[in-house]
Amino acid sequence: MTAPIRWGILGPGSIAHKFAIGLQAISEGELVAVGSRDQQRADAFADQYGAPNRHASYEALSADPDIDAVYVATPHPFHKDNSILCLETGKAVLCEKPFTINAAEAEAVVACARANGVFLMEAMWSRYLPIMVQVREWLDAGAIGEPLMVSADFGFRAGVNPDGRLFNLALGGGALLDIGIYVVSFAAMVLGSQPAQIAAAAHLGETGVDEQTGIVLRYSSGAIANLSCAIRASTSHEARIVGSEGTIVIDPSWWKGESATLKAGEREERIELPLAGNGYNYEAQEVARCLGEGLTESAVMSLDETVALMRILDEIRAQIGLKYPME
């Protein structure tokens, strides 16, 4: 067995807790260091999860010789600079989704990783769940024939807080970048990341962010994806793939799903794959696998696909009139 990947976490916010908990469920990785702009926050997080190294700056974390990889867990307007900081010191990077604010930033991060020959991956954690692996196996085997339609929604009702991350333009707020990336990424997993046509409509709320967005992607094959996301409306959290010969349904909440049903002719198969850990462990295991094999990116979530997804989000934002002040 190879030694576990020694992780550092950059930005001890709420999503960082989930990743730290995920690491506790695997043998392929361990939390060694935490970096914050506040020493007390770094100490508190490190104490909670048993990390020996704690830093009061991101620069100090990125220079820590005791870590192999960094999980970038800051709000997405800071992903570009934080990721490049770590890549330039030779640290592998797992960057939380959405990868960046826009495609231009994503291209800059990817270019930095490739120039330095360092591993980089978007932390689209649901892509690595066992049930998603099973869905891809069904699709690859042609179990439902040619995929024709994809539908997926992700929405919850949050209270409006103009200063909070979800509703603040300066923090890249809105439904699309926060959770719309899930539905767009799901469609890309099934149909690819190069739609021939993109159409979108949204409601921009009082703080200027999109509170609910509907998206239609049309592909050159004729396939259609119907997607939606919301931060002021609770939705059913359903995902369905309709093929020429059958259907796959991932049970709610599909983005953290543990079961799926395949129906094709007389065949009906339901598979239950409960999560080991909280689900964030699977992306950490994928990083460990890639690093163990000397890879600089994952074929499950390639860097070209990550950039392509940001281009889709850019086009959607252009259509709904959502622009961020840092752009």
Protein backbone atom coordinates (compact mmCIF):
# COMPACT_ATOMS: atom_id res chain seq x y z
CA MET A 1 0.00 0.00 0.00
CA THR A 2 1.14 3.53 -0.74
CA ALA A 3 1.26 6.15 1.99
CA PRO A 4 -1.93 8.18 2.47
CA ILE A 5 -2.18 11.56 0.76
CA ARG A 6 -1.34 14.29 3.24
CA TRP A 7 -4.03 16.94 2.87
CA GLY A 8 -4.15 20.61 3.70
CA ILE A 9 -7.45 22.50 3.75
CA LEU A 10 -7.43 26.10 2.55
CA GLY A 11 -10.35 27.99 4.09
CA PRO A 12 -12.03 26.37 7.12
CA GLY A 13 -15.64 27.19 6.17
CA SER A 14 -18.72 24.96 6.21
CA ILE A 15 -17.83 22.89 3.13
CA ALA A 16 -14.35 22.28 4.57
CA HIS A 17 -15.93 20.50 7.55
CA LYS A 18 -17.64 18.09 5.17
CA PHE A 19 -14.38 17.28 3.43
CA ALA A 20 -12.56 16.81 6.72
CA ILE A 21 -15.27 14.40 7.88
CA GLY A 22 -15.02 12.56 4.57
CA LEU A 23 -11.27 12.09 5.04
CA GLN A 24 -11.93 10.35 8.34
CA ALA A 25 -13.73 7.54 6.46
CA ILE A 26 -10.78 6.50 4.26
CA SER A 27 -7.26 5.18 4.60
CA GLU A 28 -6.01 6.88 1.42
CA GLY A 29 -5.87 10.35 2.92
CA GLU A 30 -5.32 12.22 6.18
CA LEU A 31 -5.73 15.84 7.23
CA VAL A 32 -2.35 17.29 8.15
CA ALA A 33 -2.76 21.06 7.85
CA VAL A 34 -5.31 23.88 7.86
CA GLY A 35 -4.86 27.38 6.49
CA SER A 36 -6.97 30.40 7.37
CA ARG A 37 -6.54 34.15 7.36
CA ASP A 38 -7.26 33.97 11.09
CA GLN A 39 -5.06 31.94 13.44
CA GLN A 40 -7.88 31.23 15.89
CA ARG A 41 -10.07 29.79 13.14
CA ALA A 42 -7.21 27.64 11.88
CA ASP A 43 -6.49 26.40 15.40
CA ALA A 44 -10.15 25.62 16.13
CA PHE A 45 -10.61 23.66 12.90
CA ALA A 46 -7.32 21.81 13.32
CA ASP A 47 -8.17 20.92 16.91
CA GLN A 48 -11.57 19.58 15.87
CA TYR A 49 -10.11 17.23 13.24
CA GLY A 50 -6.70 16.47 14.71
CA ALA A 51 -4.56 18.31 12.16
CA PRO A 52 -1.06 18.98 13.55
CA ASN A 53 -0.20 21.96 11.31
CA ARG A 54 -2.20 25.18 11.42
CA HIS A 55 -1.39 28.33 9.48
CA ALA A 56 -2.59 31.93 9.70
CA SER A 57 -2.20 32.55 5.97
CA TYR A 58 -2.88 30.72 2.74
CA GLU A 59 0.70 31.39 1.66
CA ALA A 60 2.02 29.51 4.68
CA LEU A 61 -0.29 26.58 3.99
CA SER A 62 0.76 26.37 0.36
CA ALA A 63 4.42 26.31 1.42
CA ASP A 64 3.94 23.60 4.07
CA PRO A 65 6.38 20.79 3.20
CA ASP A 66 4.29 18.24 5.10
CA ILE A 67 1.34 18.22 2.67
CA ASP A 68 0.86 16.66 -0.77
CA ALA A 69 -2.49 18.13 -1.77
CA VAL A 70 -4.71 21.08 -0.93
CA TYR A 71 -8.48 21.20 -0.84
CA VAL A 72 -9.52 24.75 -1.80
CA ALA A 73 -12.69 25.47 0.15
CA THR A 74 -13.01 29.25 -0.05
CA PRO A 75 -15.94 31.00 -1.79
CA HIS A 76 -15.66 30.71 -5.56
CA PRO A 77 -14.53 34.30 -6.31
CA PHE A 78 -11.27 33.33 -4.61
CA HIS A 79 -10.77 29.91 -6.22
CA LYS A 80 -8.56 31.14 -9.04
CA ASP A 81 -5.98 32.91 -6.89
CA ASN A 82 -6.06 30.29 -4.13
CA SER A 83 -5.62 27.39 -6.55
CA ILE A 84 -2.80 29.06 -8.49
CA LEU A 85 -1.02 29.86 -5.22
CA CYS A 86 -0.94 26.16 -4.33
CA LEU A 87 -0.20 24.89 -7.83
CA GLU A 88 2.84 27.16 -8.09
CA THR A 89 4.28 25.59 -4.93
CA GLY A 90 3.82 22.12 -6.43
CA LYS A 91 0.80 21.08 -4.39
CA ALA A 92 -1.91 18.98 -6.01
CA VAL A 93 -5.22 20.86 -5.88
CA LEU A 94 -8.80 19.73 -5.42
CA CYS A 95 -10.84 22.90 -5.99
CA GLU A 96 -14.40 23.13 -4.75
CA LYS A 97 -17.15 23.70 -7.30
CA PRO A 98 -18.01 25.91 -9.02
CA PHE A 99 -14.41 25.82 -10.16
CA THR A 100 -14.16 29.59 -10.68
CA ILE A 101 -16.38 32.58 -11.39
CA ASN A 102 -16.06 32.23 -15.17
CA ALA A 103 -14.35 30.30 -17.95
CA ALA A 104 -11.47 32.77 -18.33
CA GLU A 105 -10.50 32.19 -14.71
CA ALA A 106 -10.86 28.42 -15.15
CA GLU A 107 -8.58 28.51 -18.19
CA ALA A 108 -5.95 30.40 -16.17
CA VAL A 109 -5.99 27.83 -13.36
CA VAL A 110 -5.82 24.90 -15.79
CA ALA A 111 -2.96 26.55 -17.70
CA CYS A 112 -1.04 26.98 -14.44
CA ALA A 113 -1.51 23.33 -13.49
CA ARG A 114 -0.40 22.11 -16.90
CA ALA A 115 2.57 24.46 -17.04
CA ASN A 116 3.77 23.18 -13.67
CA GLY A 117 2.85 19.54 -14.31
CA VAL A 118 0.76 19.45 -11.12
CA PHE A 119 -2.47 17.55 -10.47
CA LEU A 120 -5.72 19.56 -10.51
CA MET A 121 -9.35 18.47 -10.23
CA GLU A 122 -12.73 20.08 -9.70
CA ALA A 123 -14.42 18.88 -6.51
CA MET A 124 -17.72 17.85 -8.08
CA TRP A 125 -18.17 15.30 -5.32
CA SER A 126 -21.39 13.74 -6.64
CA ARG A 127 -19.59 12.63 -9.84
CA TYR A 128 -17.64 10.04 -7.80
CA LEU A 129 -20.47 8.53 -5.74
CA PRO A 130 -21.01 4.78 -6.19
CA ILE A 131 -24.48 5.31 -7.65
CA MET A 132 -23.08 7.66 -10.31
CA VAL A 133 -20.41 5.09 -11.16
CA GLN A 134 -23.22 2.57 -11.62
CA VAL A 135 -25.20 4.94 -13.82
CA ARG A 136 -22.18 5.48 -16.05
CA GLU A 137 -21.70 1.71 -16.29
CA TRP A 138 -25.32 1.28 -17.42
CA LEU A 139 -24.90 4.05 -20.00
CA ASP A 140 -21.60 2.67 -21.30
CA ALA A 141 -23.19 -0.77 -21.66
CA GLY A 142 -26.06 0.70 -23.71
CA ALA A 143 -28.60 -0.51 -21.14
CA ILE A 144 -31.14 2.17 -22.14
CA GLY A 145 -30.00 2.62 -25.73
CA GLU A 146 -29.21 6.13 -26.94
CA PRO A 147 -29.78 8.83 -24.28
CA LEU A 148 -32.45 11.20 -25.59
CA MET A 149 -33.54 13.33 -22.64
CA VAL A 150 -32.08 14.28 -19.29
CA SER A 151 -33.97 16.08 -16.54
CA ALA A 152 -32.61 17.20 -13.19
CA ASP A 153 -33.51 19.79 -10.58
CA PHE A 154 -31.91 21.07 -7.42
CA GLY A 155 -33.62 23.71 -5.34
CA PHE A 156 -34.11 24.72 -1.72
CA ARG A 157 -35.70 27.68 0.01
CA ALA A 158 -33.20 29.87 1.84
CA GLY A 159 -33.94 33.03 3.76
CA VAL A 160 -32.72 36.15 2.02
CA ASN A 161 -29.53 37.45 3.60
CA PRO A 162 -27.96 40.19 1.45
CA ASP A 163 -24.59 39.71 3.16
CA GLY A 164 -24.59 35.91 2.99
CA ARG A 165 -22.77 33.96 0.31
CA LEU A 166 -25.93 32.84 -1.52
CA PHE A 167 -27.37 36.31 -2.08
CA ASN A 168 -24.27 38.49 -2.36
CA LEU A 169 -23.11 39.46 -5.86
CA ALA A 170 -19.63 40.23 -4.54
CA LEU A 171 -19.33 36.60 -3.40
CA GLY A 172 -20.58 35.13 -6.68
CA GLY A 173 -24.02 34.42 -5.23
CA GLY A 174 -27.08 32.94 -6.88
CA ALA A 175 -28.59 29.57 -7.63
CA LEU A 176 -26.68 28.92 -10.85
CA LEU A 177 -23.11 28.91 -9.56
CA ASP A 178 -23.95 27.43 -6.16
CA ILE A 179 -26.14 24.49 -7.16
CA GLY A 180 -26.89 24.92 -10.87
CA ILE A 181 -23.41 23.53 -11.51
CA TYR A 182 -24.74 20.20 -10.19
CA VAL A 183 -27.47 19.87 -12.81
CA VAL A 184 -25.27 21.17 -15.65
CA SER A 185 -22.50 18.76 -14.67
CA PHE A 186 -24.99 15.88 -14.53
CA ALA A 187 -26.21 16.64 -18.04
CA ALA A 188 -22.59 16.80 -19.21
CA MET A 189 -21.85 13.42 -17.62
CA VAL A 190 -24.62 11.86 -19.70
CA LEU A 191 -24.68 13.91 -22.91
CA GLY A 192 -21.32 15.66 -23.02
CA SER A 193 -20.15 19.19 -22.30
CA GLN A 194 -20.59 20.65 -25.79
CA PRO A 195 -24.29 21.43 -26.32
CA ALA A 196 -25.22 22.86 -29.70
CA GLN A 197 -27.73 25.27 -28.18
CA ILE A 198 -28.25 26.81 -24.73
CA ALA A 199 -31.41 28.56 -23.61
CA ALA A 200 -32.03 29.96 -20.13
CA ALA A 201 -34.44 32.11 -18.16
CA ALA A 202 -34.22 33.27 -14.56
CA HIS A 203 -35.66 35.46 -11.85
CA LEU A 204 -33.12 37.90 -10.44
CA GLY A 205 -34.06 38.82 -6.88
CA GLU A 206 -33.72 41.99 -4.87
CA THR A 207 -29.97 41.50 -4.31
CA GLY A 208 -29.32 40.96 -8.02
CA VAL A 209 -28.53 37.24 -7.97
CA ASP A 210 -30.56 34.55 -9.74
CA GLU A 211 -32.99 33.03 -7.27
CA GLN A 212 -34.31 30.46 -9.73
CA THR A 213 -33.08 29.49 -13.16
CA GLY A 214 -34.37 27.19 -15.88
CA ILE A 215 -32.00 25.78 -18.49
CA VAL A 216 -32.46 23.83 -21.72
CA LEU A 217 -29.46 22.29 -23.47
CA ARG A 218 -29.83 20.86 -26.98
CA TYR A 219 -27.16 18.57 -28.40
CA SER A 220 -26.25 17.87 -32.01
CA SER A 221 -27.45 14.27 -31.50
CA GLY A 222 -30.94 15.64 -30.90
CA ALA A 223 -30.79 14.98 -27.16
CA ILE A 224 -32.28 17.56 -24.79
CA ALA A 225 -31.51 18.36 -21.16
CA ASN A 226 -34.13 20.15 -19.05
CA LEU A 227 -32.53 21.55 -15.90
CA SER A 228 -33.45 23.88 -13.06
CA CYS A 229 -31.99 25.28 -9.86
CA ALA A 230 -33.31 27.52 -7.11
CA ILE A 231 -32.39 29.04 -3.75
CA ARG A 232 -35.88 30.38 -2.98
CA ALA A 233 -37.93 27.30 -3.95
CA SER A 234 -37.76 23.74 -2.71
CA THR A 235 -37.86 21.28 -5.61
CA SER A 236 -38.21 17.51 -5.87
CA HIS A 237 -34.47 16.80 -6.41
CA GLU A 238 -35.14 14.24 -9.13
CA ALA A 239 -32.87 13.12 -11.95
CA ARG A 240 -34.00 11.05 -14.91
CA ILE A 241 -32.32 9.81 -18.08
CA VAL A 242 -34.61 8.69 -20.88
CA GLY A 243 -33.06 6.60 -23.61
CA SER A 244 -34.31 5.03 -26.82
CA GLU A 245 -34.68 1.68 -25.04
CA GLY A 246 -35.34 2.55 -21.40
CA THR A 247 -35.04 4.89 -18.44
CA ILE A 248 -32.75 5.45 -15.46
CA VAL A 249 -34.09 7.28 -12.40
CA ILE A 250 -31.81 8.35 -9.55
CA ASP A 251 -33.79 8.65 -6.36
CA PRO A 252 -34.07 11.98 -4.55
CA SER A 253 -31.91 13.59 -3.55
CA TRP A 254 -30.12 12.52 -6.71
CA TRP A 255 -27.01 14.65 -6.16
CA LYS A 256 -26.20 12.63 -3.03
CA GLY A 257 -28.05 9.55 -4.25
CA GLU A 258 -27.74 6.04 -2.91
CA SER A 259 -30.12 4.20 -5.23
CA ALA A 260 -31.20 4.12 -8.87
CA THR A 261 -33.71 2.20 -10.99
CA LEU A 262 -33.17 0.97 -14.52
CA LYS A 263 -36.19 0.06 -16.67
CA ALA A 264 -35.67 -1.26 -20.19
CA GLY A 265 -38.30 -3.50 -21.81
CA GLU A 266 -38.99 -6.35 -19.41
CA ARG A 267 -35.87 -5.60 -17.41
CA GLU A 268 -36.27 -3.68 -14.17
CA GLU A 269 -33.29 -3.38 -11.87
CA ARG A 270 -33.01 -1.35 -8.70
CA ILE A 271 -29.60 -0.91 -7.10
CA GLU A 272 -28.94 0.37 -3.59
CA LEU A 273 -25.43 1.68 -2.92
CA PRO A 274 -25.32 3.36 0.51
CA LEU A 275 -22.60 5.92 1.04
CA ALA A 276 -19.52 4.97 3.01
CA GLY A 277 -18.72 8.10 4.98
CA ASN A 278 -20.49 11.33 4.06
CA GLY A 279 -19.77 11.10 0.32
CA TYR A 280 -16.91 13.59 0.18
CA ASN A 281 -14.51 10.71 0.76
CA TYR A 282 -14.95 9.44 -2.79
CA GLU A 283 -13.44 12.50 -4.45
CA ALA A 284 -10.49 12.28 -2.05
CA GLN A 285 -10.04 8.65 -3.04
CA GLU A 286 -10.06 9.63 -6.72
CA VAL A 287 -7.30 12.17 -6.06
CA ALA A 288 -5.29 9.49 -4.25
CA ARG A 289 -5.79 7.06 -7.14
CA CYS A 290 -4.67 9.61 -9.71
CA LEU A 291 -1.63 10.70 -7.72
CA GLY A 292 -0.70 7.07 -7.13
CA GLU A 293 -0.76 6.51 -10.89
CA GLY A 294 1.23 9.66 -11.63
CA LEU A 295 -1.70 11.41 -13.33
CA THR A 296 -2.17 15.18 -13.45
CA GLU A 297 -5.93 15.05 -13.97
CA SER A 298 -8.86 12.67 -13.63
CA ALA A 299 -10.59 11.13 -16.63
CA VAL A 300 -13.82 11.08 -14.62
CA MET A 301 -13.81 14.89 -14.45
CA SER A 302 -11.28 16.16 -16.97
CA LEU A 303 -9.96 19.69 -16.88
CA ASP A 304 -11.23 20.29 -20.41
CA GLU A 305 -14.71 19.37 -19.21
CA THR A 306 -14.39 21.66 -16.21
CA VAL A 307 -13.56 24.60 -18.50
CA ALA A 308 -16.39 23.63 -20.87
CA LEU A 309 -18.86 23.63 -17.98
CA MET A 310 -17.77 27.13 -16.99
CA ARG A 311 -18.36 28.25 -20.58
CA ILE A 312 -21.90 26.89 -20.37
CA LEU A 313 -22.46 28.78 -17.10
CA ASP A 314 -21.03 31.94 -18.71
CA GLU A 315 -23.52 31.69 -21.57
CA ILE A 316 -26.41 31.08 -19.18
CA ARG A 317 -25.41 34.14 -17.14
CA ALA A 318 -25.16 36.24 -20.29
CA GLN A 319 -28.70 35.22 -21.25
CA ILE A 320 -30.20 35.93 -17.81
CA GLY A 321 -28.24 39.15 -17.27
CA LEU A 322 -26.20 38.05 -14.26
CA LYS A 323 -22.79 39.73 -14.02
CA TYR A 324 -20.50 39.86 -11.02
CA PRO A 325 -18.65 43.00 -9.90
CA MET A 326 -15.22 41.31 -10.02
CA GLU A 327 -15.59 40.56 -13.75
